[in-house]
């Protein structure tokens, strides 16, 4: 499934409104923030139909999934938007992650816990904002807000140390840039190691560069780290491959069209995360050219001055000179 879907769930007292554009969306919040009520409304609509007084508006069918037999039910559900509540402990299992990976559904997961088996985006972690009364004195209007906004993660920074998530082409690129400018660049060797890598640093200004498309499970920990260490900042593009595509060094209007609305092109069953899609897209568009891309080892053409500067120009707020 692909596309952007606007969902309204409402009765005469409550109204929830949200937009879903990836295969995994996370809704966070403490008790009494309305998360469970959203699930309850959907279950009432499914059980009682029109008699429930609940209206569900969406171009795709919306339903909940729960119970010990979830793994028997899920294979028969296709191109739905599935809502899950945190009471379902199976959400943390590898079995569930594998089922999501091979599914053509979208998933909206209501949970206060991190789900390390699922590669969800930093851009798709939301809270529920209650704005008071909506239209009349009886209905409360609830709308999602993005917890980690661009303003939360972006600020002017002049780092002494760059910490990159992995050790592939992205790391090789930033390592070369840092070496030219007298900066230190280190690899965390995996997103789950980012906090440990930063904890080992002294007090020098540090910048974490990681794939925003899949960093969601680590974001709570990283955000707390940034609050504790004011010298640490994050830059979280979709992926290094997205940066390259965004730079314009790959000819073709179609590439820029895809970047404007990637949700219209990324089939959820084929790509577990958007990072994988952008890797495939870049590899496909550069095949047979001097910019032929390999994720495992950087093509040195990407370090040529014109190409390198085009990629760095995509990155805001950062001074690359010591």
Protein backbone atom coordinates (compact mmCIF):
# COMPACT_ATOMS: atom_id res chain seq x y z
CA UNK A 1 0.00 0.00 0.00
CA UNK A 2 1.16 3.53 -0.66
CA UNK A 3 -0.24 7.04 -0.41
CA UNK A 4 -1.27 9.65 2.14
CA UNK A 5 -4.54 9.05 3.99
CA UNK A 6 -6.63 11.50 5.96
CA UNK A 7 -8.60 9.83 8.75
CA UNK A 8 -11.44 11.22 10.84
CA UNK A 9 -12.91 9.19 13.70
CA UNK A 10 -15.78 10.88 15.52
CA UNK A 11 -18.99 10.62 17.47
CA UNK A 12 -21.14 13.30 19.07
CA UNK A 13 -18.56 13.92 21.81
CA UNK A 14 -15.14 13.24 20.32
CA UNK A 15 -13.35 13.85 17.05
CA UNK A 16 -9.92 12.55 16.06
CA UNK A 17 -8.18 13.71 12.91
CA UNK A 18 -4.91 12.39 11.54
CA UNK A 19 -2.89 11.98 8.36
CA UNK A 20 -1.03 8.73 7.72
CA UNK A 21 1.63 8.48 5.01
CA UNK A 22 3.96 5.64 6.01
CA UNK A 23 3.58 2.00 6.89
CA UNK A 24 4.25 2.67 10.58
CA UNK A 25 2.93 5.59 12.63
CA UNK A 26 3.44 5.86 16.39
CA UNK A 27 1.08 7.72 18.74
CA UNK A 28 2.58 8.55 22.11
CA UNK A 29 1.24 10.12 25.26
CA UNK A 30 0.65 9.63 28.95
CA UNK A 31 -2.58 8.43 30.51
CA UNK A 32 -5.69 10.55 29.93
CA UNK A 33 -4.39 11.95 26.63
CA UNK A 34 -7.08 10.23 24.57
CA UNK A 35 -5.06 7.45 22.95
CA UNK A 36 -7.24 4.61 24.25
CA UNK A 37 -10.44 6.45 23.39
CA UNK A 38 -9.40 6.49 19.75
CA UNK A 39 -9.01 2.70 19.75
CA UNK A 40 -12.31 2.30 21.61
CA UNK A 41 -14.18 4.35 19.02
CA UNK A 42 -12.81 2.21 16.20
CA UNK A 43 -13.79 -0.99 18.02
CA UNK A 44 -17.29 0.34 18.65
CA UNK A 45 -17.68 1.20 14.97
CA UNK A 46 -16.56 -2.29 13.96
CA UNK A 47 -18.81 -4.08 16.46
CA UNK A 48 -22.00 -2.02 16.14
CA UNK A 49 -21.77 -0.35 12.73
CA UNK A 50 -24.08 2.62 12.28
CA UNK A 51 -25.69 1.87 15.63
CA UNK A 52 -22.46 2.82 17.40
CA UNK A 53 -22.84 6.49 16.55
CA UNK A 54 -19.20 6.45 15.45
CA UNK A 55 -18.22 7.73 12.02
CA UNK A 56 -14.93 6.64 10.45
CA UNK A 57 -13.96 8.61 7.35
CA UNK A 58 -11.04 7.40 5.23
CA UNK A 59 -10.36 6.20 1.69
CA UNK A 60 -9.01 2.95 3.16
CA UNK A 61 -10.73 0.61 5.63
CA UNK A 62 -9.64 1.21 9.23
CA UNK A 63 -9.75 -1.47 11.92
CA UNK A 64 -8.10 -2.61 15.12
CA UNK A 65 -6.06 -5.76 15.74
CA UNK A 66 -5.71 -7.49 19.10
CA UNK A 67 -5.81 -10.83 20.86
CA UNK A 68 -3.64 -13.92 20.92
CA UNK A 69 -4.80 -14.97 17.47
CA UNK A 70 -3.55 -11.81 15.76
CA UNK A 71 -1.09 -13.86 13.68
CA UNK A 72 -3.96 -15.90 12.25
CA UNK A 73 -6.07 -12.85 11.44
CA UNK A 74 -3.43 -10.53 9.97
CA UNK A 75 -2.56 -12.57 6.83
CA UNK A 76 -6.14 -12.16 5.60
CA UNK A 77 -6.11 -8.34 5.95
CA UNK A 78 -4.91 -6.36 2.95
CA UNK A 79 -4.59 -2.63 2.24
CA UNK A 80 -6.13 -1.59 5.55
CA UNK A 81 -5.02 0.94 8.12
CA UNK A 82 -4.65 -1.11 11.28
CA UNK A 83 -4.71 0.44 14.75
CA UNK A 84 -3.06 -1.31 17.69
CA UNK A 85 -3.09 -0.49 21.39
CA UNK A 86 -0.12 -0.88 23.72
CA UNK A 87 -1.93 -3.58 25.70
CA UNK A 88 -1.06 -5.97 22.86
CA UNK A 89 2.29 -7.29 24.03
CA UNK A 90 2.89 -9.06 20.72
CA UNK A 91 3.76 -5.67 19.18
CA UNK A 92 7.25 -5.95 20.69
CA UNK A 93 7.90 -9.39 19.20
CA UNK A 94 10.07 -10.20 16.22
CA UNK A 95 7.17 -12.23 14.83
CA UNK A 96 5.04 -9.09 14.63
CA UNK A 97 7.89 -7.10 13.06
CA UNK A 98 8.28 -9.78 10.38
CA UNK A 99 4.53 -9.70 9.74
CA UNK A 100 4.58 -5.91 9.29
CA UNK A 101 7.59 -6.17 6.97
CA UNK A 102 5.73 -8.49 4.61
CA UNK A 103 2.40 -6.69 4.82
CA UNK A 104 0.59 -4.34 2.45
CA UNK A 105 -1.16 -2.55 5.32
CA UNK A 106 -0.39 0.65 7.21
CA UNK A 107 -0.09 0.44 11.00
CA UNK A 108 -0.95 3.05 13.62
CA UNK A 109 0.50 1.93 16.94
CA UNK A 110 -0.56 3.53 20.21
CA UNK A 111 2.25 3.00 22.71
CA UNK A 112 4.37 4.73 25.33
CA UNK A 113 7.20 2.25 24.83
CA UNK A 114 9.89 2.12 22.16
CA UNK A 115 9.59 -0.70 19.62
CA UNK A 116 13.17 -1.53 18.58
CA UNK A 117 12.13 -4.26 16.13
CA UNK A 118 10.29 -1.76 13.92
CA UNK A 119 12.09 0.85 11.76
CA UNK A 120 9.73 3.79 12.16
CA UNK A 121 10.56 7.35 11.24
CA UNK A 122 11.32 10.23 13.57
CA UNK A 123 8.76 12.17 11.51
CA UNK A 124 5.97 9.72 12.30
CA UNK A 125 5.98 9.87 16.11
CA UNK A 126 2.99 11.86 17.32
CA UNK A 127 1.18 12.98 20.41
CA UNK A 128 -2.51 13.84 20.69
CA UNK A 129 -3.34 17.50 21.13
CA UNK A 130 -6.72 18.33 22.65
CA UNK A 131 -7.88 21.79 21.66
CA UNK A 132 -10.97 21.98 23.84
CA UNK A 133 -14.42 22.11 22.35
CA UNK A 134 -14.94 21.69 18.64
CA UNK A 135 -17.97 23.20 16.87
CA UNK A 136 -20.27 22.73 19.84
CA UNK A 137 -20.15 22.31 23.60
CA UNK A 138 -20.21 18.52 23.47
CA UNK A 139 -17.44 17.52 21.13
CA UNK A 140 -13.74 17.56 22.03
CA UNK A 141 -11.38 17.92 19.10
CA UNK A 142 -8.19 15.84 19.11
CA UNK A 143 -5.51 16.26 16.50
CA UNK A 144 -2.06 14.70 16.23
CA UNK A 145 1.08 16.78 16.59
CA UNK A 146 4.61 15.72 15.71
CA UNK A 147 6.66 15.18 18.87
CA UNK A 148 10.09 15.65 17.31
CA UNK A 149 9.59 18.65 15.06
CA UNK A 150 12.36 20.01 12.80
CA UNK A 151 12.81 22.85 15.29
CA UNK A 152 13.49 20.30 18.02
CA UNK A 153 16.29 18.69 16.06
CA UNK A 154 17.83 21.55 14.08
CA UNK A 155 19.91 24.38 15.42
CA UNK A 156 23.02 26.16 14.22
CA UNK A 157 25.96 24.05 15.25
CA UNK A 158 29.72 24.11 14.79
CA UNK A 159 30.69 20.58 15.80
CA UNK A 160 34.12 19.32 16.73
CA UNK A 161 32.97 15.71 16.44
CA UNK A 162 30.59 14.04 13.99
CA UNK A 163 29.01 10.75 15.08
CA UNK A 164 27.57 8.81 12.14
CA UNK A 165 25.12 5.97 12.62
CA UNK A 166 26.80 3.28 10.53
CA UNK A 167 30.05 2.50 8.73
CA UNK A 168 28.83 2.39 5.13
CA UNK A 169 29.02 4.94 2.32
CA UNK A 170 27.48 7.71 4.40
CA UNK A 171 30.16 7.37 7.04
CA UNK A 172 32.92 7.29 4.41
CA UNK A 173 31.56 10.51 2.91
CA UNK A 174 31.36 12.40 6.20
CA UNK A 175 34.69 11.00 7.37
CA UNK A 176 36.36 12.42 4.25
CA UNK A 177 34.66 15.81 4.73
CA UNK A 178 35.71 15.92 8.39
CA UNK A 179 39.30 14.96 7.58
CA UNK A 180 39.54 17.83 5.09
CA UNK A 181 38.28 20.29 7.70
CA UNK A 182 40.15 19.11 10.77
CA UNK A 183 37.11 17.55 12.44
CA UNK A 184 36.76 14.16 14.08
CA UNK A 185 34.32 11.65 12.60
CA UNK A 186 33.40 8.39 14.27
CA UNK A 187 30.96 5.59 13.50
CA UNK A 188 28.54 4.31 16.14
CA UNK A 189 28.36 1.03 14.18
CA UNK A 190 24.59 0.89 14.39
CA UNK A 191 21.79 3.17 15.53
CA UNK A 192 21.35 1.32 18.82
CA UNK A 193 24.92 2.33 19.74
CA UNK A 194 24.51 6.07 19.18
CA UNK A 195 23.98 6.97 22.82
CA UNK A 196 27.01 4.94 23.94
CA UNK A 197 29.15 6.56 21.25
CA UNK A 198 28.16 10.05 22.39
CA UNK A 199 28.54 9.18 26.08
CA UNK A 200 32.19 8.37 25.42
CA UNK A 201 32.84 11.91 24.19
CA UNK A 202 34.06 14.74 26.37
CA UNK A 203 32.36 18.12 26.41
CA UNK A 204 33.24 19.12 22.84
CA UNK A 205 30.33 20.03 20.53
CA UNK A 206 29.06 16.91 18.77
CA UNK A 207 26.67 16.29 15.91
CA UNK A 208 24.83 13.01 15.42
CA UNK A 209 23.97 12.17 11.81
CA UNK A 210 21.57 9.26 11.43
CA UNK A 211 18.84 7.99 9.11
CA UNK A 212 15.65 9.72 10.22
CA UNK A 213 13.59 7.19 8.27
CA UNK A 214 14.30 4.45 10.82
CA UNK A 215 15.63 6.18 13.95
CA UNK A 216 12.25 6.36 15.71
CA UNK A 217 12.88 3.65 18.35
CA UNK A 218 16.02 5.47 19.50
CA UNK A 219 14.59 8.99 19.49
CA UNK A 220 13.38 9.15 23.06
CA UNK A 221 16.85 8.19 24.29
CA UNK A 222 18.58 10.61 21.93
CA UNK A 223 16.26 13.46 22.83
CA UNK A 224 16.93 12.93 26.53
CA UNK A 225 20.64 12.90 25.74
CA UNK A 226 20.38 16.24 23.93
CA UNK A 227 18.50 17.73 26.87
CA UNK A 228 21.23 16.53 29.24
CA UNK A 229 24.17 17.44 26.99
CA UNK A 230 23.47 20.80 25.41
CA UNK A 231 26.56 20.45 23.21
CA UNK A 232 25.01 17.48 21.37
CA UNK A 233 22.77 18.05 18.35
CA UNK A 234 21.11 15.75 15.82
CA UNK A 235 20.74 15.99 12.08
CA UNK A 236 18.31 13.35 10.83
CA UNK A 237 17.70 13.33 7.07
CA UNK A 238 15.72 10.42 5.67
CA UNK A 239 19.04 8.77 4.79
CA UNK A 240 22.38 9.53 3.16
CA UNK A 241 20.91 8.35 -0.14
CA UNK A 242 18.10 10.88 0.26
CA UNK A 243 20.72 13.63 0.70
CA UNK A 244 22.40 12.61 -2.55
CA UNK A 245 19.10 12.55 -4.43
CA UNK A 246 18.05 15.88 -2.90
CA UNK A 247 21.31 17.53 -3.97
CA UNK A 248 20.27 17.54 -7.62
CA UNK A 249 23.41 15.82 -8.89
CA UNK A 250 21.20 13.06 -10.32
CA UNK A 251 19.49 14.39 -13.43
CA UNK A 252 15.80 13.90 -13.89
CA UNK A 253 12.65 15.77 -12.93
CA UNK A 254 11.12 12.48 -11.87
CA UNK A 255 13.59 12.18 -8.97
CA UNK A 256 12.58 15.55 -7.56
CA UNK A 257 8.90 14.71 -8.05
CA UNK A 258 9.40 11.54 -6.01
CA UNK A 259 11.17 13.46 -3.24
CA UNK A 260 8.27 15.91 -3.00
CA UNK A 261 5.72 13.13 -2.37
CA UNK A 262 7.59 9.88 -1.65
CA UNK A 263 4.53 8.32 -0.02
CA UNK A 264 2.90 8.15 -3.46
CA UNK A 265 5.73 5.98 -4.80
CA UNK A 266 6.85 3.78 -1.89
CA UNK A 267 5.05 0.45 -1.72
CA UNK A 268 4.95 -0.58 1.95
CA UNK A 269 5.14 -4.30 1.25
CA UNK A 270 8.29 -3.87 -0.81
CA UNK A 271 10.11 -1.37 1.41
CA UNK A 272 10.06 -1.85 5.19
CA UNK A 273 11.43 1.68 5.62
CA UNK A 274 11.84 4.67 3.32
CA UNK A 275 15.61 4.43 3.68
CA UNK A 276 15.54 1.19 1.69
CA UNK A 277 13.50 2.83 -1.05
CA UNK A 278 15.90 5.77 -1.41
CA UNK A 279 18.84 3.35 -1.56
CA UNK A 280 17.16 1.40 -4.36
CA UNK A 281 16.20 4.61 -6.17
CA UNK A 282 19.72 6.03 -6.08
CA UNK A 283 21.27 2.72 -7.13
CA UNK A 284 18.86 2.43 -10.04
CA UNK A 285 19.36 5.99 -11.33
CA UNK A 286 23.17 5.82 -11.15
CA UNK A 287 23.58 2.36 -12.63
CA UNK A 288 26.15 2.42 -15.42
CA UNK A 289 27.24 6.01 -14.68
CA UNK A 290 30.34 7.48 -13.06
CA UNK A 291 28.19 8.03 -9.95
CA UNK A 292 27.24 4.36 -9.65
CA UNK A 293 26.17 3.98 -6.03
CA UNK A 294 26.96 1.19 -3.61
CA UNK A 295 25.79 1.38 -0.01
CA UNK A 296 28.61 -0.81 1.27
CA UNK A 297 31.49 1.25 -0.17
CA UNK A 298 31.55 4.87 -1.30
CA UNK A 299 32.27 5.59 -4.94
CA UNK A 300 35.08 8.18 -4.81
CA UNK A 301 33.24 10.25 -7.43
CA UNK A 302 31.03 11.46 -4.59
CA UNK A 303 34.10 13.16 -3.10
CA UNK A 304 34.79 15.26 -6.20
CA UNK A 305 34.49 18.90 -5.21
CA UNK A 306 31.38 19.80 -7.20
CA UNK A 307 29.48 16.68 -6.16
CA UNK A 308 30.56 16.91 -2.52
CA UNK A 309 29.57 20.57 -2.18
CA UNK A 310 26.18 19.89 -3.78
CA UNK A 311 25.47 17.24 -1.13
CA UNK A 312 26.69 19.43 1.73
CA UNK A 313 24.53 22.32 0.51
CA UNK A 314 21.46 20.22 1.32
CA UNK A 315 22.43 20.14 4.99
CA UNK A 316 21.36 23.26 6.90
CA UNK A 317 22.74 24.84 10.06
CA UNK A 318 26.12 23.09 10.07
CA UNK A 319 29.57 24.68 9.84
CA UNK A 320 32.04 22.16 8.45
CA UNK A 321 35.12 24.22 9.30
CA UNK A 322 36.90 23.83 12.62
